[in-house]
mmCIF file of all heavy atoms, coordinates in Angstrom:
data_MODEL
# 
_entry.id   MODEL 
# 
loop_
_atom_site.group_PDB 
_atom_site.id 
_atom_site.type_symbol 
_atom_site.label_atom_id 
_atom_site.label_alt_id 
_atom_site.label_comp_id 
_atom_site.label_asym_id 
_atom_site.label_entity_id 
_atom_site.label_seq_id 
_atom_site.pdbx_PDB_ins_code 
_atom_site.Cartn_x 
_atom_site.Cartn_y 
_atom_site.Cartn_z 
_atom_site.occupancy 
_atom_site.B_iso_or_equiv 
_atom_site.pdbx_formal_charge 
_atom_site.auth_seq_id 
_atom_site.auth_comp_id 
_atom_site.auth_asym_id 
_atom_site.auth_atom_id 
_atom_site.pdbx_PDB_model_num 
ATOM 1   N N   . VAL A 1 1  ? 1.037  15.118 5.320   1.00 0.00 ? 1  VAL A N   1 
ATOM 2   C CA  . VAL A 1 1  ? 2.259  14.312 5.237   1.00 0.00 ? 1  VAL A CA  1 
ATOM 3   C C   . VAL A 1 1  ? 1.822  12.869 5.035   1.00 0.00 ? 1  VAL A C   1 
ATOM 4   O O   . VAL A 1 1  ? 1.137  12.291 5.885   1.00 0.00 ? 1  VAL A O   1 
ATOM 5   C CB  . VAL A 1 1  ? 3.104  14.461 6.512   1.00 0.00 ? 1  VAL A CB  1 
ATOM 6   C CG1 . VAL A 1 1  ? 4.331  13.547 6.462   1.00 0.00 ? 1  VAL A CG1 1 
ATOM 7   C CG2 . VAL A 1 1  ? 3.546  15.913 6.695   1.00 0.00 ? 1  VAL A CG2 1 
ATOM 8   N N   . VAL A 1 2  ? 2.190  12.303 3.891   1.00 0.00 ? 2  VAL A N   1 
ATOM 9   C CA  . VAL A 1 2  ? 1.647  11.006 3.493   1.00 0.00 ? 2  VAL A CA  1 
ATOM 10  C C   . VAL A 1 2  ? 2.755  10.000 3.179   1.00 0.00 ? 2  VAL A C   1 
ATOM 11  O O   . VAL A 1 2  ? 3.905  10.362 2.942   1.00 0.00 ? 2  VAL A O   1 
ATOM 12  C CB  . VAL A 1 2  ? 0.711  11.149 2.278   1.00 0.00 ? 2  VAL A CB  1 
ATOM 13  C CG1 . VAL A 1 2  ? -0.457 12.060 2.601   1.00 0.00 ? 2  VAL A CG1 1 
ATOM 14  C CG2 . VAL A 1 2  ? 1.470  11.669 1.055   1.00 0.00 ? 2  VAL A CG2 1 
ATOM 15  N N   . MET A 1 3  ? 2.353  8.734  3.155   1.00 0.00 ? 3  MET A N   1 
ATOM 16  C CA  . MET A 1 3  ? 3.269  7.625  2.879   1.00 0.00 ? 3  MET A CA  1 
ATOM 17  C C   . MET A 1 3  ? 2.805  6.908  1.614   1.00 0.00 ? 3  MET A C   1 
ATOM 18  O O   . MET A 1 3  ? 1.612  6.693  1.417   1.00 0.00 ? 3  MET A O   1 
ATOM 19  C CB  . MET A 1 3  ? 3.292  6.691  4.081   1.00 0.00 ? 3  MET A CB  1 
ATOM 20  C CG  . MET A 1 3  ? 3.631  7.434  5.373   1.00 0.00 ? 3  MET A CG  1 
ATOM 21  S SD  . MET A 1 3  ? 3.049  6.605  6.857   1.00 0.00 ? 3  MET A SD  1 
ATOM 22  C CE  . MET A 1 3  ? 4.450  5.562  7.191   1.00 0.00 ? 3  MET A CE  1 
ATOM 23  N N   . PHE A 1 4  ? 3.782  6.513  0.789   1.00 0.00 ? 4  PHE A N   1 
ATOM 24  C CA  . PHE A 1 4  ? 3.465  5.913  -0.511  1.00 0.00 ? 4  PHE A CA  1 
ATOM 25  C C   . PHE A 1 4  ? 4.699  5.187  -1.048  1.00 0.00 ? 4  PHE A C   1 
ATOM 26  O O   . PHE A 1 4  ? 5.834  5.483  -0.639  1.00 0.00 ? 4  PHE A O   1 
ATOM 27  C CB  . PHE A 1 4  ? 3.041  7.005  -1.505  1.00 0.00 ? 4  PHE A CB  1 
ATOM 28  C CG  . PHE A 1 4  ? 4.047  8.128  -1.616  1.00 0.00 ? 4  PHE A CG  1 
ATOM 29  C CD1 . PHE A 1 4  ? 5.085  8.069  -2.536  1.00 0.00 ? 4  PHE A CD1 1 
ATOM 30  C CD2 . PHE A 1 4  ? 3.974  9.233  -0.775  1.00 0.00 ? 4  PHE A CD2 1 
ATOM 31  C CE1 . PHE A 1 4  ? 6.023  9.083  -2.625  1.00 0.00 ? 4  PHE A CE1 1 
ATOM 32  C CE2 . PHE A 1 4  ? 4.914  10.253 -0.849  1.00 0.00 ? 4  PHE A CE2 1 
ATOM 33  C CZ  . PHE A 1 4  ? 5.938  10.175 -1.770  1.00 0.00 ? 4  PHE A CZ  1 
ATOM 34  N N   . PRO A 1 5  ? 4.521  4.237  -1.986  1.00 0.00 ? 5  PRO A N   1 
ATOM 35  C CA  . PRO A 1 5  ? 5.677  3.592  -2.602  1.00 0.00 ? 5  PRO A CA  1 
ATOM 36  C C   . PRO A 1 5  ? 6.395  4.570  -3.532  1.00 0.00 ? 5  PRO A C   1 
ATOM 37  O O   . PRO A 1 5  ? 5.750  5.323  -4.264  1.00 0.00 ? 5  PRO A O   1 
ATOM 38  C CB  . PRO A 1 5  ? 5.071  2.433  -3.406  1.00 0.00 ? 5  PRO A CB  1 
ATOM 39  C CG  . PRO A 1 5  ? 3.685  2.285  -2.904  1.00 0.00 ? 5  PRO A CG  1 
ATOM 40  C CD  . PRO A 1 5  ? 3.255  3.629  -2.425  1.00 0.00 ? 5  PRO A CD  1 
ATOM 41  N N   . TYR A 1 6  ? 7.702  4.563  -3.494  1.00 0.00 ? 6  TYR A N   1 
ATOM 42  C CA  . TYR A 1 6  ? 8.519  5.381  -4.386  1.00 0.00 ? 6  TYR A CA  1 
ATOM 43  C C   . TYR A 1 6  ? 8.118  5.085  -5.829  1.00 0.00 ? 6  TYR A C   1 
ATOM 44  O O   . TYR A 1 6  ? 8.169  3.933  -6.271  1.00 0.00 ? 6  TYR A O   1 
ATOM 45  C CB  . TYR A 1 6  ? 9.981  5.030  -4.135  1.00 0.00 ? 6  TYR A CB  1 
ATOM 46  C CG  . TYR A 1 6  ? 10.992 5.651  -5.044  1.00 0.00 ? 6  TYR A CG  1 
ATOM 47  C CD1 . TYR A 1 6  ? 10.883 6.957  -5.493  1.00 0.00 ? 6  TYR A CD1 1 
ATOM 48  C CD2 . TYR A 1 6  ? 12.112 4.917  -5.435  1.00 0.00 ? 6  TYR A CD2 1 
ATOM 49  C CE1 . TYR A 1 6  ? 11.837 7.524  -6.319  1.00 0.00 ? 6  TYR A CE1 1 
ATOM 50  C CE2 . TYR A 1 6  ? 13.090 5.470  -6.248  1.00 0.00 ? 6  TYR A CE2 1 
ATOM 51  C CZ  . TYR A 1 6  ? 12.949 6.771  -6.692  1.00 0.00 ? 6  TYR A CZ  1 
ATOM 52  O OH  . TYR A 1 6  ? 13.906 7.332  -7.510  1.00 0.00 ? 6  TYR A OH  1 
ATOM 53  N N   . PRO A 1 7  ? 7.667  6.082  -6.597  1.00 0.00 ? 7  PRO A N   1 
ATOM 54  C CA  . PRO A 1 7  ? 7.130  5.833  -7.940  1.00 0.00 ? 7  PRO A CA  1 
ATOM 55  C C   . PRO A 1 7  ? 8.086  5.116  -8.891  1.00 0.00 ? 7  PRO A C   1 
ATOM 56  O O   . PRO A 1 7  ? 7.634  4.386  -9.772  1.00 0.00 ? 7  PRO A O   1 
ATOM 57  C CB  . PRO A 1 7  ? 6.806  7.250  -8.452  1.00 0.00 ? 7  PRO A CB  1 
ATOM 58  C CG  . PRO A 1 7  ? 6.550  8.041  -7.224  1.00 0.00 ? 7  PRO A CG  1 
ATOM 59  C CD  . PRO A 1 7  ? 7.501  7.496  -6.197  1.00 0.00 ? 7  PRO A CD  1 
ATOM 60  N N   . VAL A 1 8  ? 9.379  5.304  -8.713  1.00 0.00 ? 8  VAL A N   1 
ATOM 61  C CA  . VAL A 1 8  ? 10.332 4.733  -9.666  1.00 0.00 ? 8  VAL A CA  1 
ATOM 62  C C   . VAL A 1 8  ? 10.497 3.226  -9.481  1.00 0.00 ? 8  VAL A C   1 
ATOM 63  O O   . VAL A 1 8  ? 10.582 2.488  -10.466 1.00 0.00 ? 8  VAL A O   1 
ATOM 64  C CB  . VAL A 1 8  ? 11.696 5.441  -9.562  1.00 0.00 ? 8  VAL A CB  1 
ATOM 65  C CG1 . VAL A 1 8  ? 12.719 4.784  -10.495 1.00 0.00 ? 8  VAL A CG1 1 
ATOM 66  C CG2 . VAL A 1 8  ? 11.549 6.921  -9.924  1.00 0.00 ? 8  VAL A CG2 1 
ATOM 67  N N   . ASP A 1 9  ? 10.536 2.736  -8.231  1.00 0.00 ? 9  ASP A N   1 
ATOM 68  C CA  . ASP A 1 9  ? 10.706 1.290  -8.049  1.00 0.00 ? 9  ASP A CA  1 
ATOM 69  C C   . ASP A 1 9  ? 9.460  0.600  -7.496  1.00 0.00 ? 9  ASP A C   1 
ATOM 70  O O   . ASP A 1 9  ? 9.358  -0.628 -7.540  1.00 0.00 ? 9  ASP A O   1 
ATOM 71  C CB  . ASP A 1 9  ? 11.924 0.970  -7.174  1.00 0.00 ? 9  ASP A CB  1 
ATOM 72  C CG  . ASP A 1 9  ? 11.754 1.370  -5.709  1.00 0.00 ? 9  ASP A CG  1 
ATOM 73  O OD1 . ASP A 1 9  ? 10.620 1.604  -5.271  1.00 0.00 ? 9  ASP A OD1 1 
ATOM 74  O OD2 . ASP A 1 9  ? 12.775 1.451  -5.007  1.00 0.00 ? 9  ASP A OD2 1 
ATOM 75  N N   . GLY A 1 10 ? 8.506  1.378  -6.981  1.00 0.00 ? 10 GLY A N   1 
ATOM 76  C CA  . GLY A 1 10 ? 7.257  0.802  -6.506  1.00 0.00 ? 10 GLY A CA  1 
ATOM 77  C C   . GLY A 1 10 ? 7.367  -0.003 -5.230  1.00 0.00 ? 10 GLY A C   1 
ATOM 78  O O   . GLY A 1 10 ? 6.393  -0.637 -4.815  1.00 0.00 ? 10 GLY A O   1 
ATOM 79  N N   . GLU A 1 11 ? 8.532  0.010  -4.585  1.00 0.00 ? 11 GLU A N   1 
ATOM 80  C CA  . GLU A 1 11 ? 8.727  -0.826 -3.406  1.00 0.00 ? 11 GLU A CA  1 
ATOM 81  C C   . GLU A 1 11 ? 9.068  -0.013 -2.162  1.00 0.00 ? 11 GLU A C   1 
ATOM 82  O O   . GLU A 1 11 ? 8.402  -0.128 -1.137  1.00 0.00 ? 11 GLU A O   1 
ATOM 83  C CB  . GLU A 1 11 ? 9.826  -1.862 -3.674  1.00 0.00 ? 11 GLU A CB  1 
ATOM 84  C CG  . GLU A 1 11 ? 9.486  -2.848 -4.786  1.00 0.00 ? 11 GLU A CG  1 
ATOM 85  C CD  . GLU A 1 11 ? 10.605 -3.825 -5.051  1.00 0.00 ? 11 GLU A CD  1 
ATOM 86  O OE1 . GLU A 1 11 ? 11.651 -3.741 -4.374  1.00 0.00 ? 11 GLU A OE1 1 
ATOM 87  O OE2 . GLU A 1 11 ? 10.434 -4.686 -5.935  1.00 0.00 ? 11 GLU A OE2 1 
ATOM 88  N N   . THR A 1 12 ? 10.105 0.808  -2.239  1.00 0.00 ? 12 THR A N   1 
ATOM 89  C CA  . THR A 1 12 ? 10.532 1.593  -1.090  1.00 0.00 ? 12 THR A CA  1 
ATOM 90  C C   . THR A 1 12 ? 9.425  2.554  -0.661  1.00 0.00 ? 12 THR A C   1 
ATOM 91  O O   . THR A 1 12 ? 8.838  3.230  -1.501  1.00 0.00 ? 12 THR A O   1 
ATOM 92  C CB  . THR A 1 12 ? 11.801 2.398  -1.428  1.00 0.00 ? 12 THR A CB  1 
ATOM 93  O OG1 . THR A 1 12 ? 12.779 1.530  -1.989  1.00 0.00 ? 12 THR A OG1 1 
ATOM 94  C CG2 . THR A 1 12 ? 12.368 3.067  -0.179  1.00 0.00 ? 12 THR A CG2 1 
ATOM 95  N N   . ILE A 1 13 ? 9.135  2.611  0.635   1.00 0.00 ? 13 ILE A N   1 
ATOM 96  C CA  . ILE A 1 13 ? 8.091  3.500  1.130   1.00 0.00 ? 13 ILE A CA  1 
ATOM 97  C C   . ILE A 1 13 ? 8.692  4.873  1.424   1.00 0.00 ? 13 ILE A C   1 
ATOM 98  O O   . ILE A 1 13 ? 9.670  4.989  2.165   1.00 0.00 ? 13 ILE A O   1 
ATOM 99  C CB  . ILE A 1 13 ? 7.426  2.931  2.398   1.00 0.00 ? 13 ILE A CB  1 
ATOM 100 C CG1 . ILE A 1 13 ? 6.814  1.564  2.101   1.00 0.00 ? 13 ILE A CG1 1 
ATOM 101 C CG2 . ILE A 1 13 ? 6.354  3.898  2.903   1.00 0.00 ? 13 ILE A CG2 1 
ATOM 102 C CD1 . ILE A 1 13 ? 5.792  1.561  0.996   1.00 0.00 ? 13 ILE A CD1 1 
ATOM 103 N N   . TYR A 1 14 ? 8.110  5.904  0.817   1.00 0.00 ? 14 TYR A N   1 
ATOM 104 C CA  . TYR A 1 14 ? 8.534  7.283  1.024   1.00 0.00 ? 14 TYR A CA  1 
ATOM 105 C C   . TYR A 1 14 ? 7.505  8.010  1.886   1.00 0.00 ? 14 TYR A C   1 
ATOM 106 O O   . TYR A 1 14 ? 6.330  7.648  1.912   1.00 0.00 ? 14 TYR A O   1 
ATOM 107 C CB  . TYR A 1 14 ? 8.651  8.011  -0.320  1.00 0.00 ? 14 TYR A CB  1 
ATOM 108 C CG  . TYR A 1 14 ? 9.995  7.885  -0.988  1.00 0.00 ? 14 TYR A CG  1 
ATOM 109 C CD1 . TYR A 1 14 ? 10.772 6.745  -0.849  1.00 0.00 ? 14 TYR A CD1 1 
ATOM 110 C CD2 . TYR A 1 14 ? 10.495 8.917  -1.779  1.00 0.00 ? 14 TYR A CD2 1 
ATOM 111 C CE1 . TYR A 1 14 ? 12.002 6.633  -1.468  1.00 0.00 ? 14 TYR A CE1 1 
ATOM 112 C CE2 . TYR A 1 14 ? 11.728 8.815  -2.407  1.00 0.00 ? 14 TYR A CE2 1 
ATOM 113 C CZ  . TYR A 1 14 ? 12.482 7.665  -2.251  1.00 0.00 ? 14 TYR A CZ  1 
ATOM 114 O OH  . TYR A 1 14 ? 13.704 7.560  -2.856  1.00 0.00 ? 14 TYR A OH  1 
ATOM 115 N N   . ILE A 1 15 ? 7.972  9.056  2.553   1.00 0.00 ? 15 ILE A N   1 
ATOM 116 C CA  . ILE A 1 15 ? 7.070  9.936  3.289   1.00 0.00 ? 15 ILE A CA  1 
ATOM 117 C C   . ILE A 1 15 ? 7.401  11.372 2.892   1.00 0.00 ? 15 ILE A C   1 
ATOM 118 O O   . ILE A 1 15 ? 8.540  11.809 3.018   1.00 0.00 ? 15 ILE A O   1 
ATOM 119 C CB  . ILE A 1 15 ? 7.173  9.717  4.810   1.00 0.00 ? 15 ILE A CB  1 
ATOM 120 C CG1 . ILE A 1 15 ? 6.218  10.663 5.554   1.00 0.00 ? 15 ILE A CG1 1 
ATOM 121 C CG2 . ILE A 1 15 ? 8.600  9.864  5.313   1.00 0.00 ? 15 ILE A CG2 1 
ATOM 122 C CD1 . ILE A 1 15 ? 6.009  10.279 7.007   1.00 0.00 ? 15 ILE A CD1 1 
ATOM 123 N N   . LYS A 1 16 ? 6.409  12.076 2.352   1.00 0.00 ? 16 LYS A N   1 
ATOM 124 C CA  . LYS A 1 16 ? 6.601  13.452 1.859   1.00 0.00 ? 16 LYS A CA  1 
ATOM 125 C C   . LYS A 1 16 ? 5.348  14.269 2.157   1.00 0.00 ? 16 LYS A C   1 
ATOM 126 O O   . LYS A 1 16 ? 4.341  13.754 2.621   1.00 0.00 ? 16 LYS A O   1 
ATOM 127 C CB  . LYS A 1 16 ? 6.860  13.463 0.344   1.00 0.00 ? 16 LYS A CB  1 
ATOM 128 C CG  . LYS A 1 16 ? 8.050  12.627 -0.116  1.00 0.00 ? 16 LYS A CG  1 
ATOM 129 C CD  . LYS A 1 16 ? 9.380  13.192 0.347   1.00 0.00 ? 16 LYS A CD  1 
ATOM 130 C CE  . LYS A 1 16 ? 10.532 12.316 -0.116  1.00 0.00 ? 16 LYS A CE  1 
ATOM 131 N NZ  . LYS A 1 16 ? 11.835 12.764 0.457   1.00 0.00 ? 16 LYS A NZ  1 
ATOM 132 N N   . ARG A 1 17 ? 5.436  15.549 1.816   1.00 0.00 ? 17 ARG A N   1 
ATOM 133 C CA  . ARG A 1 17 ? 4.309  16.446 2.034   1.00 0.00 ? 17 ARG A CA  1 
ATOM 134 C C   . ARG A 1 17 ? 3.577  16.701 0.712   1.00 0.00 ? 17 ARG A C   1 
ATOM 135 O O   . ARG A 1 17 ? 4.219  16.916 -0.325  1.00 0.00 ? 17 ARG A O   1 
ATOM 136 C CB  . ARG A 1 17 ? 4.786  17.770 2.632   1.00 0.00 ? 17 ARG A CB  1 
ATOM 137 C CG  . ARG A 1 17 ? 3.655  18.643 3.171   1.00 0.00 ? 17 ARG A CG  1 
ATOM 138 C CD  . ARG A 1 17 ? 4.188  19.939 3.756   1.00 0.00 ? 17 ARG A CD  1 
ATOM 139 N NE  . ARG A 1 17 ? 5.000  19.746 4.941   1.00 0.00 ? 17 ARG A NE  1 
ATOM 140 C CZ  . ARG A 1 17 ? 4.532  19.663 6.189   1.00 0.00 ? 17 ARG A CZ  1 
ATOM 141 N NH1 . ARG A 1 17 ? 3.229  19.740 6.399   1.00 0.00 ? 17 ARG A NH1 1 
ATOM 142 N NH2 . ARG A 1 17 ? 5.345  19.506 7.214   1.00 0.00 ? 17 ARG A NH2 1 
ATOM 143 N N   . VAL A 1 18 ? 2.257  16.669 0.755   1.00 0.00 ? 18 VAL A N   1 
ATOM 144 C CA  . VAL A 1 18 ? 1.443  16.970 -0.432  1.00 0.00 ? 18 VAL A CA  1 
ATOM 145 C C   . VAL A 1 18 ? 1.537  18.471 -0.722  1.00 0.00 ? 18 VAL A C   1 
ATOM 146 O O   . VAL A 1 18 ? 1.198  19.298 0.124   1.00 0.00 ? 18 VAL A O   1 
ATOM 147 C CB  . VAL A 1 18 ? -0.026 16.567 -0.214  1.00 0.00 ? 18 VAL A CB  1 
ATOM 148 C CG1 . VAL A 1 18 ? -0.872 16.994 -1.412  1.00 0.00 ? 18 VAL A CG1 1 
ATOM 149 C CG2 . VAL A 1 18 ? -0.145 15.069 0.009   1.00 0.00 ? 18 VAL A CG2 1 
ATOM 150 N N   . ILE A 1 19 ? 1.971  18.805 -1.940  1.00 0.00 ? 19 ILE A N   1 
ATOM 151 C CA  . ILE A 1 19 ? 2.087  20.210 -2.348  1.00 0.00 ? 19 ILE A CA  1 
ATOM 152 C C   . ILE A 1 19 ? 1.134  20.524 -3.497  1.00 0.00 ? 19 ILE A C   1 
ATOM 153 O O   . ILE A 1 19 ? 0.387  21.495 -3.463  1.00 0.00 ? 19 ILE A O   1 
ATOM 154 C CB  . ILE A 1 19 ? 3.528  20.553 -2.750  1.00 0.00 ? 19 ILE A CB  1 
ATOM 155 C CG1 . ILE A 1 19 ? 4.464  20.390 -1.548  1.00 0.00 ? 19 ILE A CG1 1 
ATOM 156 C CG2 . ILE A 1 19 ? 3.599  21.971 -3.312  1.00 0.00 ? 19 ILE A CG2 1 
ATOM 157 C CD1 . ILE A 1 19 ? 4.163  21.320 -0.380  1.00 0.00 ? 19 ILE A CD1 1 
ATOM 158 N N   . GLY A 1 20 ? 1.152  19.716 -4.549  1.00 0.00 ? 20 GLY A N   1 
ATOM 159 C CA  . GLY A 1 20 ? 0.284  19.942 -5.699  1.00 0.00 ? 20 GLY A CA  1 
ATOM 160 C C   . GLY A 1 20 ? -0.890 18.994 -5.717  1.00 0.00 ? 20 GLY A C   1 
ATOM 161 O O   . GLY A 1 20 ? -0.728 17.786 -5.523  1.00 0.00 ? 20 GLY A O   1 
ATOM 162 N N   . LEU A 1 21 ? -2.091 19.519 -5.949  1.00 0.00 ? 21 LEU A N   1 
ATOM 163 C CA  . LEU A 1 21 ? -3.310 18.717 -5.985  1.00 0.00 ? 21 LEU A CA  1 
ATOM 164 C C   . LEU A 1 21 ? -3.703 18.395 -7.423  1.00 0.00 ? 21 LEU A C   1 
ATOM 165 O O   . LEU A 1 21 ? -3.207 19.028 -8.377  1.00 0.00 ? 21 LEU A O   1 
ATOM 166 C CB  . LEU A 1 21 ? -4.444 19.483 -5.293  1.00 0.00 ? 21 LEU A CB  1 
ATOM 167 C CG  . LEU A 1 21 ? -4.181 19.877 -3.829  1.00 0.00 ? 21 LEU A CG  1 
ATOM 168 C CD1 . LEU A 1 21 ? -5.384 20.660 -3.283  1.00 0.00 ? 21 LEU A CD1 1 
ATOM 169 C CD2 . LEU A 1 21 ? -3.891 18.665 -2.970  1.00 0.00 ? 21 LEU A CD2 1 
ATOM 170 N N   . PRO A 1 22 ? -4.601 17.427 -7.628  1.00 0.00 ? 22 PRO A N   1 
ATOM 171 C CA  . PRO A 1 22 ? -5.005 17.038 -8.972  1.00 0.00 ? 22 PRO A CA  1 
ATOM 172 C C   . PRO A 1 22 ? -5.476 18.226 -9.812  1.00 0.00 ? 22 PRO A C   1 
ATOM 173 O O   . PRO A 1 22 ? -6.279 19.046 -9.362  1.00 0.00 ? 22 PRO A O   1 
ATOM 174 C CB  . PRO A 1 22 ? -6.152 16.055 -8.720  1.00 0.00 ? 22 PRO A CB  1 
ATOM 175 C CG  . PRO A 1 22 ? -5.847 15.466 -7.384  1.00 0.00 ? 22 PRO A CG  1 
ATOM 176 C CD  . PRO A 1 22 ? -5.241 16.584 -6.594  1.00 0.00 ? 22 PRO A CD  1 
ATOM 177 N N   . GLY A 1 23 ? -4.943 18.309 -11.048 1.00 0.00 ? 23 GLY A N   1 
ATOM 178 C CA  . GLY A 1 23 ? -5.362 19.355 -11.981 1.00 0.00 ? 23 GLY A CA  1 
ATOM 179 C C   . GLY A 1 23 ? -4.663 20.687 -11.813 1.00 0.00 ? 23 GLY A C   1 
ATOM 180 O O   . GLY A 1 23 ? -4.881 21.608 -12.617 1.00 0.00 ? 23 GLY A O   1 
ATOM 181 N N   . GLU A 1 24 ? -3.811 20.847 -10.818 1.00 0.00 ? 24 GLU A N   1 
ATOM 182 C CA  . GLU A 1 24 ? -3.152 22.130 -10.576 1.00 0.00 ? 24 GLU A CA  1 
ATOM 183 C C   . GLU A 1 24 ? -1.872 22.292 -11.397 1.00 0.00 ? 24 GLU A C   1 
ATOM 184 O O   . GLU A 1 24 ? -1.208 21.313 -11.762 1.00 0.00 ? 24 GLU A O   1 
ATOM 185 C CB  . GLU A 1 24 ? -2.806 22.290 -9.087  1.00 0.00 ? 24 GLU A CB  1 
ATOM 186 C CG  . GLU A 1 24 ? -4.007 22.488 -8.194  1.00 0.00 ? 24 GLU A CG  1 
ATOM 187 C CD  . GLU A 1 24 ? -3.618 22.745 -6.751  1.00 0.00 ? 24 GLU A CD  1 
ATOM 188 O OE1 . GLU A 1 24 ? -2.493 22.360 -6.346  1.00 0.00 ? 24 GLU A OE1 1 
ATOM 189 O OE2 . GLU A 1 24 ? -4.441 23.320 -6.016  1.00 0.00 ? 24 GLU A OE2 1 
ATOM 190 N N   . LYS A 1 25 ? -1.542 23.540 -11.655 1.00 0.00 ? 25 LYS A N   1 
ATOM 191 C CA  . LYS A 1 25 ? -0.251 23.880 -12.233 1.00 0.00 ? 25 LYS A CA  1 
ATOM 192 C C   . LYS A 1 25 ? 0.632  24.401 -11.102 1.00 0.00 ? 25 LYS A C   1 
ATOM 193 O O   . LYS A 1 25 ? 0.279  25.370 -10.415 1.00 0.00 ? 25 LYS A O   1 
ATOM 194 C CB  . LYS A 1 25 ? -0.401 24.948 -13.315 1.00 0.00 ? 25 LYS A CB  1 
ATOM 195 C CG  . LYS A 1 25 ? 0.919  25.347 -13.966 1.00 0.00 ? 25 LYS A CG  1 
ATOM 196 C CD  . LYS A 1 25 ? 0.693  26.405 -15.055 1.00 0.00 ? 25 LYS A CD  1 
ATOM 197 C CE  . LYS A 1 25 ? 1.996  26.799 -15.729 1.00 0.00 ? 25 LYS A CE  1 
ATOM 198 N NZ  . LYS A 1 25 ? 1.770  27.833 -16.782 1.00 0.00 ? 25 LYS A NZ  1 
ATOM 199 N N   . VAL A 1 26 ? 1.754  23.742 -10.902 1.00 0.00 ? 26 VAL A N   1 
ATOM 200 C CA  . VAL A 1 26 ? 2.654  24.101 -9.802  1.00 0.00 ? 26 VAL A CA  1 
ATOM 201 C C   . VAL A 1 26 ? 3.969  24.601 -10.394 1.00 0.00 ? 26 VAL A C   1 
ATOM 202 O O   . VAL A 1 26 ? 4.617  23.900 -11.175 1.00 0.00 ? 26 VAL A O   1 
ATOM 203 C CB  . VAL A 1 26 ? 2.920  22.890 -8.888  1.00 0.00 ? 26 VAL A CB  1 
ATOM 204 C CG1 . VAL A 1 26 ? 3.856  23.283 -7.742  1.00 0.00 ? 26 VAL A CG1 1 
ATOM 205 C CG2 . VAL A 1 26 ? 1.614  22.326 -8.346  1.00 0.00 ? 26 VAL A CG2 1 
# 
C-alpha cells in the first residue's frame, strides 16, 4: 500500500495498493 501524487494533476496525494508490476500484462 503506497502513497504517490495523483498522475493526472501531480499534486493530490493518493494511497492505493500495488497490483501490476513493471513489464506485466494485467
